[in-house]
Amino acid sequence: MAEKIRVVIADDEDNYRKAIQKTLGFAQDVDVIAVCRDGQEALDACLAEAPDVLLTDINMPRQSGIELAKKLLRKEKDVKIVILTVREDDDSIFEAFRAGALGYLLKTSTPQEVIESVRLAAKGEAKITPRVATKIVEDFRRFEKTESGSEEADGELLVLSDREQEILQFVAQGLRNKEIADKLGIAEKTVKNHVSNILKALHVNSRTEAAMKAMKSKMGH
């Protein structure tokens, strides 16, 4: 029998925290090892228990989910972080991925979407709700049409081949390697190799962080 996915939940809303714990309890391959009420409690739990996945809100007492992600990934790089929040503004999305989050879900997500996000995160893949994915794709398209931008930003993008930039856009939509392979008519292993090269080229740890960095560089930041 395969090992269960070890999960820590962090949310300051009692009812929602209990609801997420109950939701994950329906997944036989998931084991909730800690349920935390604030960022500091979650950090302590993650450093003590070394979970596979941290499912966290952004707005929490003592330290936010963003601060939690930054501190945790400096000390425990193997933990995969999924943000589960009511906030869908661009700044929150970008900040979460810059902090190292792998997935970004809204609290309106279905129980199945939450479970799927945990399973994908454990494998190093992202789950992004359609509304958030739409924001990311719209930004890609807008910035692609923008001719302005610093030479430094343009130079950062030049490290990616045309194919890699194409794959990066699919990654930003939350597509899995197999789905990208099917769209491009190439082998799944080839997509996986391209994604690895993209992460190395942009000096990032996660797929979606790579998409965010590429997008930010097109903005000239």
N, C-alpha and C. Protein backbone atom coordinates (compact mmCIF):
# COMPACT_ATOMS: atom_id res chain seq x y z
N MET A 1 0.84 -1.20 0.00
CA MET A 1 0.00 0.00 0.00
C MET A 1 0.87 1.24 0.00
N ALA A 2 0.55 2.19 -0.88
CA ALA A 2 1.35 3.41 -0.99
C ALA A 2 1.20 4.26 0.27
N GLU A 3 2.25 5.01 0.57
CA GLU A 3 2.20 5.88 1.73
C GLU A 3 1.19 7.00 1.50
N LYS A 4 0.54 7.42 2.58
CA LYS A 4 -0.44 8.49 2.47
C LYS A 4 0.25 9.85 2.34
N ILE A 5 -0.45 10.78 1.74
CA ILE A 5 0.05 12.16 1.62
C ILE A 5 -0.18 12.86 2.95
N ARG A 6 0.90 13.31 3.57
CA ARG A 6 0.81 13.95 4.89
C ARG A 6 0.53 15.45 4.70
N VAL A 7 -0.55 15.92 5.31
CA VAL A 7 -1.01 17.30 5.09
C VAL A 7 -1.16 18.07 6.39
N VAL A 8 -0.73 19.33 6.36
CA VAL A 8 -1.00 20.27 7.45
C VAL A 8 -1.97 21.33 6.92
N ILE A 9 -3.01 21.63 7.69
CA ILE A 9 -4.00 22.63 7.33
C ILE A 9 -3.80 23.85 8.22
N ALA A 10 -3.83 25.05 7.62
CA ALA A 10 -3.71 26.29 8.40
C ALA A 10 -4.78 27.28 7.96
N ASP A 11 -5.66 27.64 8.89
CA ASP A 11 -6.73 28.61 8.61
C ASP A 11 -7.26 29.13 9.94
N ASP A 12 -7.49 30.43 10.02
CA ASP A 12 -7.93 31.00 11.30
C ASP A 12 -9.45 30.95 11.49
N GLU A 13 -10.19 30.51 10.47
CA GLU A 13 -11.64 30.39 10.60
C GLU A 13 -11.99 28.97 11.07
N ASP A 14 -12.54 28.87 12.26
CA ASP A 14 -12.81 27.56 12.85
C ASP A 14 -13.67 26.67 11.95
N ASN A 15 -14.77 27.20 11.48
CA ASN A 15 -15.70 26.40 10.68
C ASN A 15 -15.07 25.93 9.38
N TYR A 16 -14.34 26.84 8.72
CA TYR A 16 -13.74 26.45 7.44
C TYR A 16 -12.61 25.46 7.66
N ARG A 17 -11.85 25.65 8.72
CA ARG A 17 -10.76 24.73 9.04
C ARG A 17 -11.30 23.32 9.26
N LYS A 18 -12.39 23.23 9.99
CA LYS A 18 -13.02 21.94 10.24
C LYS A 18 -13.58 21.34 8.96
N ALA A 19 -14.13 22.21 8.09
CA ALA A 19 -14.70 21.72 6.83
C ALA A 19 -13.62 21.13 5.93
N ILE A 20 -12.46 21.79 5.87
CA ILE A 20 -11.35 21.28 5.05
C ILE A 20 -10.83 19.97 5.62
N GLN A 21 -10.73 19.90 6.93
CA GLN A 21 -10.28 18.66 7.56
C GLN A 21 -11.24 17.52 7.24
N LYS A 22 -12.54 17.80 7.28
CA LYS A 22 -13.55 16.79 6.96
C LYS A 22 -13.46 16.39 5.49
N THR A 23 -13.26 17.38 4.62
CA THR A 23 -13.13 17.11 3.18
C THR A 23 -11.97 16.16 2.90
N LEU A 24 -10.81 16.47 3.46
CA LEU A 24 -9.64 15.64 3.22
C LEU A 24 -9.78 14.26 3.87
N GLY A 25 -10.65 14.18 4.87
CA GLY A 25 -10.88 12.90 5.52
C GLY A 25 -11.54 11.88 4.60
N PHE A 26 -12.19 12.37 3.53
CA PHE A 26 -12.83 11.47 2.57
C PHE A 26 -11.81 10.85 1.61
N ALA A 27 -10.62 11.43 1.53
CA ALA A 27 -9.58 10.92 0.63
C ALA A 27 -8.75 9.87 1.37
N GLN A 28 -8.83 8.63 0.93
CA GLN A 28 -8.15 7.55 1.62
C GLN A 28 -6.64 7.62 1.51
N ASP A 29 -6.14 8.39 0.54
CA ASP A 29 -4.69 8.51 0.36
C ASP A 29 -4.12 9.75 1.04
N VAL A 30 -4.93 10.44 1.84
CA VAL A 30 -4.49 11.66 2.52
C VAL A 30 -4.59 11.49 4.03
N ASP A 31 -3.57 11.97 4.74
CA ASP A 31 -3.55 11.91 6.20
C ASP A 31 -3.29 13.32 6.74
N VAL A 32 -4.29 13.92 7.38
CA VAL A 32 -4.12 15.25 7.98
C VAL A 32 -3.40 15.07 9.31
N ILE A 33 -2.17 15.58 9.37
CA ILE A 33 -1.36 15.35 10.56
C ILE A 33 -1.37 16.52 11.54
N ALA A 34 -1.87 17.69 11.09
CA ALA A 34 -1.96 18.84 11.99
C ALA A 34 -2.97 19.83 11.43
N VAL A 35 -3.72 20.46 12.32
CA VAL A 35 -4.70 21.50 11.95
C VAL A 35 -4.37 22.73 12.78
N CYS A 36 -4.03 23.83 12.12
CA CYS A 36 -3.48 25.00 12.81
C CYS A 36 -4.34 26.24 12.64
N ARG A 37 -4.31 27.10 13.67
CA ARG A 37 -5.17 28.28 13.69
C ARG A 37 -4.47 29.56 13.23
N ASP A 38 -3.15 29.53 13.11
CA ASP A 38 -2.43 30.73 12.67
C ASP A 38 -1.11 30.33 12.01
N GLY A 39 -0.43 31.32 11.44
CA GLY A 39 0.78 31.05 10.69
C GLY A 39 1.92 30.49 11.51
N GLN A 40 2.10 31.01 12.73
CA GLN A 40 3.20 30.54 13.56
C GLN A 40 2.98 29.09 13.99
N GLU A 41 1.74 28.77 14.34
CA GLU A 41 1.41 27.40 14.74
C GLU A 41 1.66 26.45 13.57
N ALA A 42 1.32 26.91 12.36
CA ALA A 42 1.52 26.09 11.17
C ALA A 42 3.00 25.89 10.88
N LEU A 43 3.79 26.94 11.05
CA LEU A 43 5.23 26.83 10.83
C LEU A 43 5.84 25.83 11.79
N ASP A 44 5.47 25.93 13.07
CA ASP A 44 5.99 25.00 14.07
C ASP A 44 5.60 23.56 13.74
N ALA A 45 4.36 23.37 13.30
CA ALA A 45 3.87 22.02 12.97
C ALA A 45 4.62 21.45 11.77
N CYS A 46 4.84 22.30 10.76
CA CYS A 46 5.52 21.82 9.55
C CYS A 46 6.98 21.47 9.83
N LEU A 47 7.64 22.25 10.65
CA LEU A 47 9.05 21.98 10.97
C LEU A 47 9.17 20.73 11.85
N ALA A 48 8.14 20.47 12.64
CA ALA A 48 8.17 19.30 13.52
C ALA A 48 7.76 18.03 12.79
N GLU A 49 6.79 18.13 11.89
CA GLU A 49 6.20 16.95 11.26
C GLU A 49 6.66 16.69 9.83
N ALA A 50 7.26 17.70 9.17
CA ALA A 50 7.71 17.57 7.77
C ALA A 50 6.64 16.99 6.86
N PRO A 51 5.52 17.70 6.67
CA PRO A 51 4.44 17.19 5.83
C PRO A 51 4.82 17.21 4.35
N ASP A 52 4.03 16.53 3.55
CA ASP A 52 4.22 16.59 2.10
C ASP A 52 3.61 17.87 1.54
N VAL A 53 2.45 18.25 2.11
CA VAL A 53 1.70 19.40 1.60
C VAL A 53 1.20 20.26 2.75
N LEU A 54 1.32 21.58 2.57
CA LEU A 54 0.71 22.55 3.49
C LEU A 54 -0.41 23.25 2.73
N LEU A 55 -1.61 23.18 3.29
CA LEU A 55 -2.77 23.85 2.71
C LEU A 55 -3.07 25.04 3.61
N THR A 56 -2.86 26.27 3.12
CA THR A 56 -2.93 27.43 4.00
C THR A 56 -3.70 28.61 3.42
N ASP A 57 -4.33 29.36 4.32
CA ASP A 57 -4.97 30.62 3.96
C ASP A 57 -3.89 31.70 3.88
N ILE A 58 -4.24 32.88 3.36
CA ILE A 58 -3.29 33.99 3.32
C ILE A 58 -3.40 34.83 4.58
N ASN A 59 -4.61 35.31 4.88
CA ASN A 59 -4.80 36.19 6.04
C ASN A 59 -4.97 35.38 7.32
N MET A 60 -3.92 35.42 8.17
CA MET A 60 -3.97 34.70 9.44
C MET A 60 -3.23 35.48 10.51
N PRO A 61 -3.58 35.28 11.79
CA PRO A 61 -2.87 35.95 12.89
C PRO A 61 -1.42 35.48 12.98
N ARG A 62 -0.61 36.32 13.65
CA ARG A 62 0.80 36.06 13.97
C ARG A 62 1.70 36.09 12.75
N GLN A 63 1.32 35.44 11.67
CA GLN A 63 2.00 35.64 10.39
C GLN A 63 1.11 35.13 9.27
N SER A 64 1.18 35.83 8.14
CA SER A 64 0.31 35.49 7.01
C SER A 64 0.77 34.22 6.32
N GLY A 65 -0.08 33.72 5.44
CA GLY A 65 0.30 32.55 4.66
C GLY A 65 1.49 32.81 3.77
N ILE A 66 1.65 34.05 3.31
CA ILE A 66 2.80 34.41 2.48
C ILE A 66 4.08 34.36 3.30
N GLU A 67 4.05 34.96 4.48
CA GLU A 67 5.22 34.92 5.37
C GLU A 67 5.54 33.49 5.76
N LEU A 68 4.51 32.72 6.03
CA LEU A 68 4.68 31.32 6.39
C LEU A 68 5.38 30.56 5.26
N ALA A 69 4.94 30.77 4.03
CA ALA A 69 5.55 30.09 2.88
C ALA A 69 7.03 30.44 2.75
N LYS A 70 7.35 31.72 2.87
CA LYS A 70 8.74 32.16 2.73
C LYS A 70 9.63 31.53 3.80
N LYS A 71 9.18 31.57 5.04
CA LYS A 71 9.99 31.03 6.14
C LYS A 71 10.11 29.52 6.05
N LEU A 72 9.01 28.87 5.71
CA LEU A 72 9.01 27.41 5.65
C LEU A 72 9.93 26.90 4.56
N LEU A 73 9.87 27.50 3.38
CA LEU A 73 10.66 27.00 2.26
C LEU A 73 12.14 27.29 2.41
N ARG A 74 12.48 28.25 3.27
CA ARG A 74 13.91 28.47 3.56
C ARG A 74 14.46 27.35 4.43
N LYS A 75 13.59 26.73 5.22
CA LYS A 75 14.03 25.69 6.16
C LYS A 75 13.66 24.28 5.72
N GLU A 76 12.55 24.14 5.00
CA GLU A 76 12.04 22.82 4.63
C GLU A 76 11.56 22.88 3.18
N LYS A 77 12.51 22.73 2.25
CA LYS A 77 12.23 22.97 0.84
C LYS A 77 11.32 21.93 0.19
N ASP A 78 11.18 20.77 0.83
CA ASP A 78 10.41 19.70 0.21
C ASP A 78 8.90 19.83 0.41
N VAL A 79 8.47 20.73 1.29
CA VAL A 79 7.04 20.91 1.54
C VAL A 79 6.40 21.64 0.35
N LYS A 80 5.31 21.09 -0.16
CA LYS A 80 4.59 21.72 -1.26
C LYS A 80 3.46 22.56 -0.66
N ILE A 81 3.36 23.81 -1.08
CA ILE A 81 2.41 24.74 -0.47
C ILE A 81 1.28 25.08 -1.44
N VAL A 82 0.06 24.92 -0.95
CA VAL A 82 -1.13 25.29 -1.73
C VAL A 82 -1.89 26.36 -0.95
N ILE A 83 -2.13 27.49 -1.61
CA ILE A 83 -2.89 28.57 -1.00
C ILE A 83 -4.38 28.32 -1.23
N LEU A 84 -5.18 28.48 -0.17
CA LEU A 84 -6.62 28.32 -0.26
C LEU A 84 -7.23 29.56 0.41
N THR A 85 -7.77 30.49 -0.39
CA THR A 85 -8.12 31.80 0.13
C THR A 85 -9.33 32.39 -0.58
N VAL A 86 -9.84 33.49 -0.05
CA VAL A 86 -10.93 34.21 -0.71
C VAL A 86 -10.37 35.29 -1.63
N ARG A 87 -9.08 35.55 -1.53
CA ARG A 87 -8.48 36.66 -2.28
C ARG A 87 -8.06 36.23 -3.69
N GLU A 88 -8.52 36.97 -4.69
CA GLU A 88 -8.16 36.67 -6.06
C GLU A 88 -7.60 37.88 -6.79
N ASP A 89 -7.14 38.89 -6.04
CA ASP A 89 -6.53 40.05 -6.68
C ASP A 89 -5.15 39.67 -7.20
N ASP A 90 -4.71 40.37 -8.25
CA ASP A 90 -3.45 40.03 -8.90
C ASP A 90 -2.27 40.05 -7.94
N ASP A 91 -2.21 41.07 -7.07
CA ASP A 91 -1.06 41.19 -6.16
C ASP A 91 -0.94 39.98 -5.24
N SER A 92 -2.08 39.50 -4.73
CA SER A 92 -2.05 38.34 -3.83
C SER A 92 -1.59 37.09 -4.57
N ILE A 93 -2.07 36.92 -5.81
CA ILE A 93 -1.68 35.76 -6.60
C ILE A 93 -0.18 35.78 -6.89
N PHE A 94 0.31 36.93 -7.38
CA PHE A 94 1.73 37.02 -7.71
C PHE A 94 2.60 36.84 -6.48
N GLU A 95 2.19 37.46 -5.37
CA GLU A 95 2.99 37.38 -4.14
C GLU A 95 3.05 35.94 -3.63
N ALA A 96 1.94 35.23 -3.73
CA ALA A 96 1.91 33.84 -3.27
C ALA A 96 2.88 32.97 -4.06
N PHE A 97 2.89 33.12 -5.37
CA PHE A 97 3.78 32.31 -6.19
C PHE A 97 5.24 32.74 -6.03
N ARG A 98 5.48 34.02 -5.86
CA ARG A 98 6.86 34.47 -5.60
C ARG A 98 7.37 33.90 -4.29
N ALA A 99 6.47 33.71 -3.33
CA ALA A 99 6.86 33.15 -2.03
C ALA A 99 7.14 31.65 -2.13
N GLY A 100 6.72 31.03 -3.25
CA GLY A 100 7.01 29.62 -3.44
C GLY A 100 5.81 28.70 -3.44
N ALA A 101 4.60 29.27 -3.42
CA ALA A 101 3.40 28.43 -3.46
C ALA A 101 3.33 27.68 -4.78
N LEU A 102 2.81 26.47 -4.71
CA LEU A 102 2.70 25.63 -5.91
C LEU A 102 1.31 25.72 -6.52
N GLY A 103 0.29 25.87 -5.68
CA GLY A 103 -1.08 25.96 -6.18
C GLY A 103 -1.80 27.12 -5.53
N TYR A 104 -2.89 27.57 -6.16
CA TYR A 104 -3.66 28.70 -5.66
C TYR A 104 -5.13 28.44 -5.93
N LEU A 105 -5.89 28.20 -4.86
CA LEU A 105 -7.31 27.90 -4.98
C LEU A 105 -8.13 28.94 -4.22
N LEU A 106 -9.33 29.20 -4.72
CA LEU A 106 -10.26 30.05 -3.99
C LEU A 106 -11.12 29.18 -3.07
N LYS A 107 -11.63 29.78 -2.01
CA LYS A 107 -12.41 29.03 -1.05
C LYS A 107 -13.78 28.60 -1.60
N THR A 108 -14.08 29.05 -2.79
CA THR A 108 -15.30 28.58 -3.46
C THR A 108 -15.05 27.27 -4.20
N SER A 109 -13.83 26.76 -4.14
CA SER A 109 -13.49 25.51 -4.82
C SER A 109 -14.30 24.35 -4.24
N THR A 110 -14.58 23.36 -5.08
CA THR A 110 -15.33 22.19 -4.63
C THR A 110 -14.44 21.29 -3.78
N PRO A 111 -15.03 20.44 -2.95
CA PRO A 111 -14.23 19.48 -2.17
C PRO A 111 -13.31 18.65 -3.07
N GLN A 112 -13.81 18.24 -4.23
CA GLN A 112 -12.99 17.43 -5.14
C GLN A 112 -11.80 18.21 -5.64
N GLU A 113 -11.97 19.51 -5.89
CA GLU A 113 -10.86 20.35 -6.35
C GLU A 113 -9.80 20.49 -5.27
N VAL A 114 -10.24 20.59 -4.02
CA VAL A 114 -9.28 20.69 -2.92
C VAL A 114 -8.48 19.39 -2.79
N ILE A 115 -9.17 18.27 -2.86
CA ILE A 115 -8.49 16.97 -2.77
C ILE A 115 -7.52 16.81 -3.94
N GLU A 116 -7.97 17.17 -5.13
CA GLU A 116 -7.11 17.05 -6.31
C GLU A 116 -5.88 17.94 -6.19
N SER A 117 -6.06 19.13 -5.60
CA SER A 117 -4.92 20.05 -5.45
C SER A 117 -3.85 19.45 -4.55
N VAL A 118 -4.29 18.75 -3.50
CA VAL A 118 -3.34 18.11 -2.57
C VAL A 118 -2.60 16.99 -3.28
N ARG A 119 -3.33 16.19 -4.05
CA ARG A 119 -2.71 15.07 -4.76
C ARG A 119 -1.71 15.57 -5.80
N LEU A 120 -2.09 16.61 -6.54
CA LEU A 120 -1.18 17.15 -7.55
C LEU A 120 0.04 17.79 -6.91
N ALA A 121 -0.17 18.54 -5.83
CA ALA A 121 0.94 19.20 -5.15
C ALA A 121 1.96 18.19 -4.65
N ALA A 122 1.47 17.07 -4.13
CA ALA A 122 2.37 16.03 -3.63
C ALA A 122 3.27 15.50 -4.74
N LYS A 123 2.79 15.59 -5.99
CA LYS A 123 3.57 15.14 -7.15
C LYS A 123 4.36 16.29 -7.77
N GLY A 124 4.26 17.49 -7.18
CA GLY A 124 4.99 18.63 -7.70
C GLY A 124 4.29 19.36 -8.82
N GLU A 125 2.97 19.10 -8.98
CA GLU A 125 2.20 19.77 -10.02
C GLU A 125 1.21 20.73 -9.41
N ALA A 126 0.80 21.73 -10.19
CA ALA A 126 -0.04 22.79 -9.67
C ALA A 126 -1.51 22.57 -9.97
N LYS A 127 -2.35 23.03 -9.05
CA LYS A 127 -3.79 23.09 -9.28
C LYS A 127 -4.20 24.54 -9.09
N ILE A 128 -4.79 25.12 -10.14
CA ILE A 128 -5.20 26.51 -10.09
C ILE A 128 -6.65 26.58 -10.52
N THR A 129 -7.48 27.29 -9.77
CA THR A 129 -8.88 27.38 -10.15
C THR A 129 -9.01 28.14 -11.47
N PRO A 130 -10.07 27.85 -12.24
CA PRO A 130 -10.24 28.48 -13.55
C PRO A 130 -10.18 30.00 -13.52
N ARG A 131 -10.77 30.64 -12.50
CA ARG A 131 -10.78 32.10 -12.45
C ARG A 131 -9.37 32.66 -12.28
N VAL A 132 -8.57 31.99 -11.44
CA VAL A 132 -7.19 32.43 -11.25
C VAL A 132 -6.37 32.16 -12.51
N ALA A 133 -6.57 30.99 -13.13
CA ALA A 133 -5.87 30.66 -14.36
C ALA A 133 -6.18 31.67 -15.45
N THR A 134 -7.44 32.09 -15.52
CA THR A 134 -7.83 33.08 -16.52
C THR A 134 -7.07 34.37 -16.34
N LYS A 135 -6.91 34.80 -15.09
CA LYS A 135 -6.15 36.02 -14.82
C LYS A 135 -4.71 35.89 -15.32
N ILE A 136 -4.11 34.74 -15.05
CA ILE A 136 -2.73 34.52 -15.45
C ILE A 136 -2.60 34.54 -16.97
N VAL A 137 -3.50 33.83 -17.66
CA VAL A 137 -3.45 33.76 -19.11
C VAL A 137 -3.69 35.14 -19.73
N GLU A 138 -4.64 35.89 -19.18
CA GLU A 138 -4.91 37.22 -19.70
C GLU A 138 -3.68 38.12 -19.58
N ASP A 139 -2.99 37.99 -18.45
CA ASP A 139 -1.77 38.78 -18.26
C ASP A 139 -0.69 38.38 -19.26
N PHE A 140 -0.55 37.08 -19.50
CA PHE A 140 0.41 36.62 -20.49
C PHE A 140 0.12 37.26 -21.85
N ARG A 141 -1.14 37.20 -22.25
CA ARG A 141 -1.51 37.72 -23.57
C ARG A 141 -1.29 39.23 -23.65
N ARG A 142 -1.64 39.92 -22.57
CA ARG A 142 -1.47 41.37 -22.56
C ARG A 142 0.00 41.76 -22.64
N PHE A 143 0.83 41.07 -21.86
CA PHE A 143 2.24 41.41 -21.84
C PHE A 143 2.96 41.00 -23.12
N GLU A 144 2.45 39.96 -23.78
CA GLU A 144 3.05 39.56 -25.04
C GLU A 144 2.86 40.63 -26.11
N LYS A 145 1.77 41.41 -25.98
CA LYS A 145 1.48 42.45 -26.95
C LYS A 145 2.17 43.77 -26.60
N THR A 146 2.76 43.81 -25.41
CA THR A 146 3.41 45.03 -24.95
C THR A 146 4.86 45.05 -25.42
N GLU A 147 5.23 46.04 -26.18
CA GLU A 147 6.58 46.10 -26.74
C GLU A 147 7.56 46.74 -25.77
N SER A 148 7.05 47.53 -24.81
CA SER A 148 7.94 48.17 -23.86
C SER A 148 8.42 47.19 -22.83
N GLY A 149 9.50 47.55 -22.12
CA GLY A 149 10.07 46.67 -21.11
C GLY A 149 11.56 46.86 -21.07
N SER A 150 12.16 46.66 -19.93
CA SER A 150 13.59 46.89 -19.81
C SER A 150 14.39 45.84 -20.56
N GLU A 151 15.61 46.20 -20.96
CA GLU A 151 16.48 45.25 -21.64
C GLU A 151 16.81 44.09 -20.72
N GLU A 152 16.93 44.39 -19.44
CA GLU A 152 17.24 43.33 -18.47
C GLU A 152 16.10 42.31 -18.42
N ALA A 153 14.85 42.81 -18.40
CA ALA A 153 13.71 41.91 -18.36
C ALA A 153 13.63 41.08 -19.62
N ASP A 154 13.84 41.72 -20.79
CA ASP A 154 13.80 41.00 -22.04
C ASP A 154 14.89 39.93 -22.08
N GLY A 155 16.05 40.26 -21.53
CA GLY A 155 17.16 39.31 -21.52
C GLY A 155 16.85 38.09 -20.72
N GLU A 156 16.11 38.25 -19.62
CA GLU A 156 15.76 37.12 -18.78
C GLU A 156 14.86 36.14 -19.55
N LEU A 157 13.96 36.68 -20.37
CA LEU A 157 13.07 35.82 -21.13
C LEU A 157 13.79 35.10 -22.26
N LEU A 158 14.87 35.68 -22.76
CA LEU A 158 15.58 35.09 -23.88
C LEU A 158 16.26 33.78 -23.53
N VAL A 159 16.38 33.48 -22.24
CA VAL A 159 17.00 32.21 -21.86
C VAL A 159 16.07 31.05 -22.18
N LEU A 160 14.79 31.33 -22.43
CA LEU A 160 13.83 30.28 -22.77
C LEU A 160 13.66 30.19 -24.27
N SER A 161 13.60 28.98 -24.78
CA SER A 161 13.34 28.77 -26.21
C SER A 161 11.87 29.06 -26.50
N ASP A 162 11.52 29.16 -27.77
CA ASP A 162 10.12 29.38 -28.14
C ASP A 162 9.23 28.27 -27.60
N ARG A 163 9.72 27.04 -27.70
CA ARG A 163 8.95 25.89 -27.21
C ARG A 163 8.76 25.98 -25.70
N GLU A 164 9.81 26.39 -24.98
CA GLU A 164 9.72 26.49 -23.53
C GLU A 164 8.73 27.58 -23.12
N GLN A 165 8.73 28.69 -23.84
CA GLN A 165 7.77 29.74 -23.52
C GLN A 165 6.34 29.27 -23.80
N GLU A 166 6.18 28.48 -24.84
CA GLU A 166 4.87 27.93 -25.17
C GLU A 166 4.39 27.00 -24.05
N ILE A 167 5.29 26.14 -23.58
CA ILE A 167 4.95 25.22 -22.49
C ILE A 167 4.67 25.99 -21.21
N LEU A 168 5.42 27.06 -20.98
CA LEU A 168 5.24 27.87 -19.78
C LEU A 168 3.83 28.45 -19.71
N GLN A 169 3.27 28.83 -20.83
CA GLN A 169 1.91 29.36 -20.84
C GLN A 169 0.90 28.28 -20.46
N PHE A 170 1.11 27.07 -20.93
CA PHE A 170 0.23 25.97 -20.55
C PHE A 170 0.37 25.65 -19.06
N VAL A 171 1.58 25.73 -18.55
CA VAL A 171 1.82 25.52 -17.12
C VAL A 171 1.03 26.54 -16.31
N ALA A 172 1.02 27.79 -16.78
CA ALA A 172 0.30 28.86 -16.08
C ALA A 172 -1.19 28.60 -16.01
N GLN A 173 -1.69 27.82 -16.96
CA GLN A 173 -3.11 27.48 -16.96
C GLN A 173 -3.41 26.30 -16.02
N GLY A 174 -2.36 25.74 -15.43
CA GLY A 174 -2.55 24.62 -14.51
C GLY A 174 -2.61 23.27 -15.20
N LEU A 175 -2.22 23.23 -16.49
CA LEU A 175 -2.26 21.96 -17.21
C LEU A 175 -1.16 21.02 -16.72
N ARG A 176 -1.45 19.74 -16.69
CA ARG A 176 -0.46 18.74 -16.30
C ARG A 176 0.42 18.41 -17.50
N ASN A 177 1.52 17.72 -17.23
CA ASN A 177 2.46 17.38 -18.31
C ASN A 177 1.78 16.60 -19.43
N LYS A 178 0.93 15.64 -19.06
CA LYS A 178 0.26 14.82 -20.08
C LYS A 178 -0.66 15.67 -20.95
N GLU A 179 -1.39 16.59 -20.31
CA GLU A 179 -2.30 17.46 -21.06
C GLU A 179 -1.53 18.37 -22.01
N ILE A 180 -0.38 18.87 -21.56
CA ILE A 180 0.45 19.71 -22.42
C ILE A 180 0.98 18.89 -23.59
N ALA A 181 1.43 17.67 -23.29
CA ALA A 181 1.95 16.78 -24.33
C ALA A 181 0.89 16.50 -25.39
N ASP A 182 -0.34 16.27 -24.95
CA ASP A 182 -1.43 16.00 -25.90
C ASP A 182 -1.70 17.21 -26.79
N LYS A 183 -1.66 18.40 -26.21
CA LYS A 183 -1.92 19.62 -26.99
C LYS A 183 -0.83 19.88 -28.03
N LEU A 184 0.41 19.57 -27.66
CA LEU A 184 1.54 19.87 -28.54
C LEU A 184 1.93 18.69 -29.44
N GLY A 185 1.34 17.53 -29.16
CA GLY A 185 1.67 16.36 -29.96
C GLY A 185 3.08 15.84 -29.74
N ILE A 186 3.54 15.95 -28.49
CA ILE A 186 4.88 15.47 -28.15
C ILE A 186 4.78 14.52 -26.96
N ALA A 187 5.87 13.85 -26.62
CA ALA A 187 5.87 12.88 -25.54
C ALA A 187 5.78 13.58 -24.18
N GLU A 188 5.12 12.93 -23.23
CA GLU A 188 5.00 13.49 -21.89
C GLU A 188 6.39 13.68 -21.26
N LYS A 189 7.29 12.74 -21.51
CA LYS A 189 8.64 12.85 -20.97
C LYS A 189 9.35 14.08 -21.52
N THR A 190 9.08 14.42 -22.77
CA THR A 190 9.68 15.61 -23.37
C THR A 190 9.20 16.87 -22.66
N VAL A 191 7.90 16.91 -22.35
CA VAL A 191 7.35 18.05 -21.61
C VAL A 191 8.01 18.16 -20.24
N LYS A 192 8.15 17.02 -19.56
CA LYS A 192 8.77 17.01 -18.24
C LYS A 192 10.19 17.55 -18.30
N ASN A 193 10.93 17.17 -19.33
CA ASN A 193 12.30 17.67 -19.50
C ASN A 193 12.31 19.18 -19.73
N HIS A 194 11.37 19.65 -20.56
CA HIS A 194 11.27 21.09 -20.82
C HIS A 194 10.97 21.86 -19.54
N VAL A 195 10.04 21.34 -18.74
CA VAL A 195 9.67 22.01 -17.49
C VAL A 195 10.88 22.08 -16.56
N SER A 196 11.63 21.00 -16.47
CA SER A 196 12.85 21.00 -15.63
C SER A 196 13.83 22.05 -16.10
N ASN A 197 14.00 22.17 -17.42
CA ASN A 197 14.91 23.17 -17.98
C ASN A 197 14.43 24.58 -17.68
N ILE A 198 13.11 24.78 -17.74
CA ILE A 198 12.54 26.10 -17.46
C ILE A 198 12.82 26.51 -16.02
N LEU A 199 12.61 25.58 -15.09
CA LEU A 199 12.84 25.88 -13.67
C LEU A 199 14.30 26.25 -13.42
N LYS A 200 15.20 25.51 -14.05
CA LYS A 200 16.63 25.79 -13.88
C LYS A 200 17.00 27.13 -14.50
N ALA A 201 16.47 27.41 -15.70
CA ALA A 201 16.81 28.64 -16.40
C ALA A 201 16.33 29.89 -15.66
N LEU A 202 15.16 29.78 -15.02
CA LEU A 202 14.60 30.94 -14.33
C LEU A 202 14.93 30.96 -12.83
N HIS A 203 15.69 29.95 -12.39
CA HIS A 203 16.14 29.87 -10.98
C HIS A 203 14.95 29.89 -10.01
N VAL A 204 13.99 29.01 -10.26
CA VAL A 204 12.81 28.92 -9.39
C VAL A 204 12.60 27.46 -8.98
N ASN A 205 11.73 27.25 -7.99
CA ASN A 205 11.52 25.92 -7.45
C ASN A 205 10.24 25.24 -7.94
N SER A 206 9.28 26.03 -8.43
CA SER A 206 8.00 25.45 -8.82
C SER A 206 7.58 25.89 -10.22
N ARG A 207 6.68 25.11 -10.80
CA ARG A 207 6.19 25.38 -12.15
C ARG A 207 5.49 26.74 -12.24
N THR A 208 4.59 26.98 -11.29
CA THR A 208 3.81 28.21 -11.39
C THR A 208 4.64 29.43 -11.02
N GLU A 209 5.61 29.25 -10.14
CA GLU A 209 6.52 30.36 -9.82
C GLU A 209 7.29 30.76 -11.07
N ALA A 210 7.61 29.79 -11.91
CA ALA A 210 8.28 30.09 -13.17
C ALA A 210 7.39 30.94 -14.07
N ALA A 211 6.10 30.59 -14.12
CA ALA A 211 5.15 31.37 -14.92
C ALA A 211 5.03 32.79 -14.40
N MET A 212 4.98 32.92 -13.09
CA MET A 212 4.89 34.25 -12.49
C MET A 212 6.13 35.08 -12.77
N LYS A 213 7.30 34.46 -12.68
CA LYS A 213 8.54 35.20 -12.89
C LYS A 213 8.65 35.65 -14.34
N ALA A 214 8.27 34.78 -15.26
CA ALA A 214 8.31 35.14 -16.67
C ALA A 214 7.36 36.29 -16.95
N MET A 215 6.19 36.22 -16.35
CA MET A 215 5.19 37.26 -16.55
C MET A 215 5.66 38.58 -15.97
N LYS A 216 6.24 38.54 -14.78
CA LYS A 216 6.73 39.76 -14.14
C LYS A 216 7.87 40.37 -14.95
N SER A 217 8.72 39.54 -15.53
CA SER A 217 9.83 40.06 -16.31
C SER A 217 9.33 40.78 -17.55
N LYS A 218 8.21 40.31 -18.09
CA LYS A 218 7.63 40.99 -19.25
C LYS A 218 7.05 42.35 -18.85
N MET A 219 6.76 42.50 -17.58
CA MET A 219 6.25 43.78 -17.10
C MET A 219 7.38 44.77 -16.88
N GLY A 220 8.63 44.24 -16.95
CA GLY A 220 9.76 45.13 -16.76
C GLY A 220 10.15 45.28 -15.31
N HIS A 221 9.73 44.33 -14.45
CA HIS A 221 10.08 44.38 -13.02
C HIS A 221 11.25 43.47 -12.75
